[in-house]
Amino acid sequence: MSSEVKEVRVGKKGAIYLSSKIREKLGVKEGDKALIRVEDNKVVIEFISDPFSMALKVRKWAETTVENFERESEEEQDVLY
């Protein structure tokens, strides 16, 4: 992965803003969640993928309908309960 270095200022309340270029490269959008940790006097930010968004991005490997899903769910519940 290529690295990009950009100098930024720390704003009020410690806010650090990512450039639009970096946000686009990482696929980060407003409201996304991240883990932040300190390693060897450096800040490391890892963005947490939203499972729903990930599901929409991946290649589909199965097909179903709401009706089929409901039927299978009821069958499983009959077996379990």
N, C-alpha and C. Protein backbone atom coordinates (compact mmCIF):
# COMPACT_ATOMS: atom_id res chain seq x y z
N MET A 1 0.85 -1.17 0.00
CA MET A 1 0.00 0.00 0.00
C MET A 1 0.89 1.23 0.00
N SER A 2 0.60 2.17 -0.85
CA SER A 2 1.39 3.39 -0.90
C SER A 2 1.02 4.26 0.29
N SER A 3 2.01 4.98 0.80
CA SER A 3 1.73 5.84 1.94
C SER A 3 1.67 7.29 1.49
N GLU A 4 0.89 8.05 2.21
CA GLU A 4 0.73 9.46 1.91
C GLU A 4 0.95 10.21 3.20
N VAL A 5 1.78 11.23 3.16
CA VAL A 5 2.07 12.02 4.35
C VAL A 5 1.48 13.41 4.15
N LYS A 6 0.74 13.85 5.13
CA LYS A 6 0.12 15.18 5.05
C LYS A 6 0.19 15.80 6.42
N GLU A 7 0.65 17.03 6.48
CA GLU A 7 0.71 17.75 7.76
C GLU A 7 -0.65 18.36 8.04
N VAL A 8 -1.14 18.17 9.26
CA VAL A 8 -2.42 18.73 9.67
C VAL A 8 -2.25 19.41 11.02
N ARG A 9 -3.16 20.27 11.36
CA ARG A 9 -3.16 20.94 12.67
C ARG A 9 -4.20 20.29 13.57
N VAL A 10 -3.90 20.30 14.84
CA VAL A 10 -4.86 19.83 15.82
C VAL A 10 -5.78 21.00 16.15
N GLY A 11 -7.08 20.79 15.97
CA GLY A 11 -8.05 21.85 16.19
C GLY A 11 -8.57 21.88 17.60
N LYS A 12 -9.62 22.66 17.79
CA LYS A 12 -10.26 22.75 19.09
C LYS A 12 -10.71 21.37 19.54
N LYS A 13 -10.61 21.14 20.80
CA LYS A 13 -11.01 19.87 21.41
C LYS A 13 -10.23 18.69 20.84
N GLY A 14 -9.06 18.93 20.25
CA GLY A 14 -8.21 17.84 19.76
C GLY A 14 -8.60 17.27 18.42
N ALA A 15 -9.48 17.93 17.70
CA ALA A 15 -9.96 17.42 16.41
C ALA A 15 -8.84 17.44 15.37
N ILE A 16 -8.74 16.34 14.64
CA ILE A 16 -7.82 16.23 13.51
C ILE A 16 -8.66 15.82 12.31
N TYR A 17 -8.57 16.57 11.23
CA TYR A 17 -9.41 16.31 10.07
C TYR A 17 -8.61 15.65 8.96
N LEU A 18 -9.21 14.63 8.35
CA LEU A 18 -8.59 13.94 7.22
C LEU A 18 -8.96 14.67 5.94
N SER A 19 -8.01 14.76 5.02
CA SER A 19 -8.31 15.41 3.75
C SER A 19 -9.31 14.56 2.96
N SER A 20 -10.00 15.19 2.03
CA SER A 20 -10.97 14.45 1.23
C SER A 20 -10.29 13.36 0.42
N LYS A 21 -9.07 13.61 -0.03
CA LYS A 21 -8.32 12.61 -0.80
C LYS A 21 -8.07 11.35 0.04
N ILE A 22 -7.67 11.54 1.28
CA ILE A 22 -7.41 10.40 2.17
C ILE A 22 -8.72 9.69 2.50
N ARG A 23 -9.79 10.47 2.80
CA ARG A 23 -11.09 9.85 3.10
C ARG A 23 -11.59 9.01 1.94
N GLU A 24 -11.45 9.54 0.73
CA GLU A 24 -11.89 8.79 -0.45
C GLU A 24 -11.06 7.53 -0.64
N LYS A 25 -9.74 7.65 -0.45
CA LYS A 25 -8.85 6.50 -0.63
C LYS A 25 -9.20 5.37 0.35
N LEU A 26 -9.58 5.76 1.58
CA LEU A 26 -9.92 4.77 2.61
C LEU A 26 -11.39 4.39 2.62
N GLY A 27 -12.21 5.13 1.87
CA GLY A 27 -13.64 4.85 1.85
C GLY A 27 -14.32 5.27 3.14
N VAL A 28 -13.78 6.29 3.80
CA VAL A 28 -14.31 6.76 5.07
C VAL A 28 -15.37 7.83 4.82
N LYS A 29 -16.50 7.69 5.52
CA LYS A 29 -17.60 8.64 5.38
C LYS A 29 -17.95 9.21 6.75
N GLU A 30 -18.63 10.34 6.74
CA GLU A 30 -19.08 10.95 7.99
C GLU A 30 -19.90 9.95 8.79
N GLY A 31 -19.62 9.84 10.06
CA GLY A 31 -20.35 8.93 10.93
C GLY A 31 -19.69 7.57 11.08
N ASP A 32 -18.69 7.25 10.24
CA ASP A 32 -17.99 5.97 10.37
C ASP A 32 -17.29 5.92 11.73
N LYS A 33 -17.13 4.73 12.25
CA LYS A 33 -16.47 4.55 13.55
C LYS A 33 -15.03 4.11 13.35
N ALA A 34 -14.20 4.42 14.34
CA ALA A 34 -12.78 4.07 14.25
C ALA A 34 -12.26 3.69 15.63
N LEU A 35 -11.22 2.88 15.62
CA LEU A 35 -10.46 2.57 16.84
C LEU A 35 -9.20 3.42 16.78
N ILE A 36 -8.85 4.04 17.90
CA ILE A 36 -7.65 4.86 17.96
C ILE A 36 -6.78 4.33 19.09
N ARG A 37 -5.50 4.14 18.80
CA ARG A 37 -4.58 3.68 19.84
C ARG A 37 -3.23 4.37 19.65
N VAL A 38 -2.45 4.35 20.70
CA VAL A 38 -1.10 4.92 20.66
C VAL A 38 -0.11 3.78 20.66
N GLU A 39 0.78 3.77 19.68
CA GLU A 39 1.85 2.77 19.56
C GLU A 39 3.16 3.49 19.35
N ASP A 40 4.11 3.28 20.24
CA ASP A 40 5.43 3.88 20.11
C ASP A 40 5.35 5.38 19.84
N ASN A 41 4.55 6.08 20.62
CA ASN A 41 4.39 7.53 20.51
C ASN A 41 3.78 7.97 19.18
N LYS A 42 3.03 7.09 18.52
CA LYS A 42 2.32 7.41 17.28
C LYS A 42 0.85 7.07 17.46
N VAL A 43 0.00 7.83 16.80
CA VAL A 43 -1.43 7.56 16.83
C VAL A 43 -1.78 6.68 15.64
N VAL A 44 -2.46 5.58 15.90
CA VAL A 44 -2.89 4.65 14.85
C VAL A 44 -4.41 4.66 14.83
N ILE A 45 -4.98 4.90 13.65
CA ILE A 45 -6.44 4.92 13.50
C ILE A 45 -6.84 3.76 12.60
N GLU A 46 -7.75 2.92 13.08
CA GLU A 46 -8.29 1.82 12.27
C GLU A 46 -9.79 2.04 12.15
N PHE A 47 -10.27 2.15 10.92
CA PHE A 47 -11.68 2.35 10.71
C PHE A 47 -12.41 1.01 10.78
N ILE A 48 -13.56 1.03 11.44
CA ILE A 48 -14.37 -0.17 11.65
C ILE A 48 -15.40 -0.25 10.54
N SER A 49 -15.39 -1.35 9.83
CA SER A 49 -16.34 -1.53 8.73
C SER A 49 -17.73 -1.80 9.27
N ASP A 50 -18.71 -1.15 8.69
CA ASP A 50 -20.11 -1.37 9.01
C ASP A 50 -20.56 -2.64 8.30
N PRO A 51 -21.04 -3.65 9.02
CA PRO A 51 -21.42 -4.92 8.39
C PRO A 51 -22.44 -4.76 7.27
N PHE A 52 -23.39 -3.85 7.42
CA PHE A 52 -24.41 -3.66 6.38
C PHE A 52 -23.77 -3.11 5.11
N SER A 53 -22.90 -2.12 5.25
CA SER A 53 -22.22 -1.55 4.08
C SER A 53 -21.35 -2.60 3.40
N MET A 54 -20.66 -3.41 4.21
CA MET A 54 -19.82 -4.46 3.63
C MET A 54 -20.66 -5.44 2.84
N ALA A 55 -21.83 -5.78 3.36
CA ALA A 55 -22.71 -6.74 2.68
C ALA A 55 -23.14 -6.21 1.32
N LEU A 56 -23.32 -4.91 1.23
CA LEU A 56 -23.75 -4.33 -0.05
C LEU A 56 -22.61 -4.28 -1.07
N LYS A 57 -21.36 -4.29 -0.60
CA LYS A 57 -20.21 -4.14 -1.49
C LYS A 57 -19.69 -5.47 -2.05
N VAL A 58 -19.89 -6.56 -1.33
CA VAL A 58 -19.30 -7.84 -1.74
C VAL A 58 -20.10 -8.49 -2.86
N ARG A 59 -19.42 -9.37 -3.57
CA ARG A 59 -20.07 -10.13 -4.64
C ARG A 59 -21.10 -11.06 -4.02
N LYS A 60 -22.27 -11.07 -4.59
CA LYS A 60 -23.34 -11.91 -4.06
C LYS A 60 -23.08 -13.38 -4.41
N TRP A 61 -23.25 -14.27 -3.44
CA TRP A 61 -22.98 -15.69 -3.67
C TRP A 61 -24.22 -16.55 -3.44
N ALA A 62 -25.32 -15.93 -3.05
CA ALA A 62 -26.56 -16.68 -2.84
C ALA A 62 -27.74 -15.78 -3.21
N GLU A 63 -28.85 -16.40 -3.47
CA GLU A 63 -30.04 -15.64 -3.81
C GLU A 63 -31.22 -16.21 -3.03
N THR A 64 -32.05 -15.32 -2.52
CA THR A 64 -33.24 -15.74 -1.80
C THR A 64 -34.29 -14.64 -1.92
N THR A 65 -35.47 -14.96 -1.48
CA THR A 65 -36.55 -13.96 -1.44
C THR A 65 -36.97 -13.83 0.02
N VAL A 66 -37.74 -12.81 0.31
CA VAL A 66 -38.25 -12.62 1.67
C VAL A 66 -39.11 -13.81 2.05
N GLU A 67 -39.90 -14.28 1.10
CA GLU A 67 -40.78 -15.41 1.37
C GLU A 67 -39.97 -16.67 1.72
N ASN A 68 -38.92 -16.95 0.92
CA ASN A 68 -38.07 -18.12 1.20
C ASN A 68 -37.38 -17.99 2.55
N PHE A 69 -36.89 -16.79 2.84
CA PHE A 69 -36.21 -16.55 4.11
C PHE A 69 -37.17 -16.79 5.27
N GLU A 70 -38.38 -16.27 5.16
CA GLU A 70 -39.38 -16.44 6.21
C GLU A 70 -39.73 -17.92 6.39
N ARG A 71 -39.92 -18.64 5.27
CA ARG A 71 -40.25 -20.06 5.34
C ARG A 71 -39.14 -20.84 6.04
N GLU A 72 -37.89 -20.59 5.64
CA GLU A 72 -36.75 -21.29 6.25
C GLU A 72 -36.62 -20.95 7.73
N SER A 73 -36.88 -19.69 8.06
CA SER A 73 -36.81 -19.27 9.46
C SER A 73 -37.87 -20.01 10.28
N GLU A 74 -39.07 -20.12 9.76
CA GLU A 74 -40.15 -20.83 10.48
C GLU A 74 -39.82 -22.31 10.63
N GLU A 75 -39.23 -22.92 9.60
CA GLU A 75 -38.83 -24.33 9.67
C GLU A 75 -37.78 -24.54 10.75
N GLU A 76 -36.81 -23.65 10.82
CA GLU A 76 -35.76 -23.75 11.85
C GLU A 76 -36.36 -23.58 13.24
N GLN A 77 -37.30 -22.66 13.38
CA GLN A 77 -37.92 -22.45 14.68
C GLN A 77 -38.74 -23.67 15.09
N ASP A 78 -39.40 -24.32 14.13
CA ASP A 78 -40.15 -25.54 14.44
C ASP A 78 -39.22 -26.62 14.96
N VAL A 79 -38.04 -26.72 14.37
CA VAL A 79 -37.07 -27.74 14.80
C VAL A 79 -36.54 -27.42 16.20
N LEU A 80 -36.26 -26.15 16.45
CA LEU A 80 -35.67 -25.75 17.72
C LEU A 80 -36.67 -25.70 18.86
N TYR A 81 -37.91 -25.35 18.57
CA TYR A 81 -38.89 -25.16 19.64
C TYR A 81 -40.02 -26.12 19.49
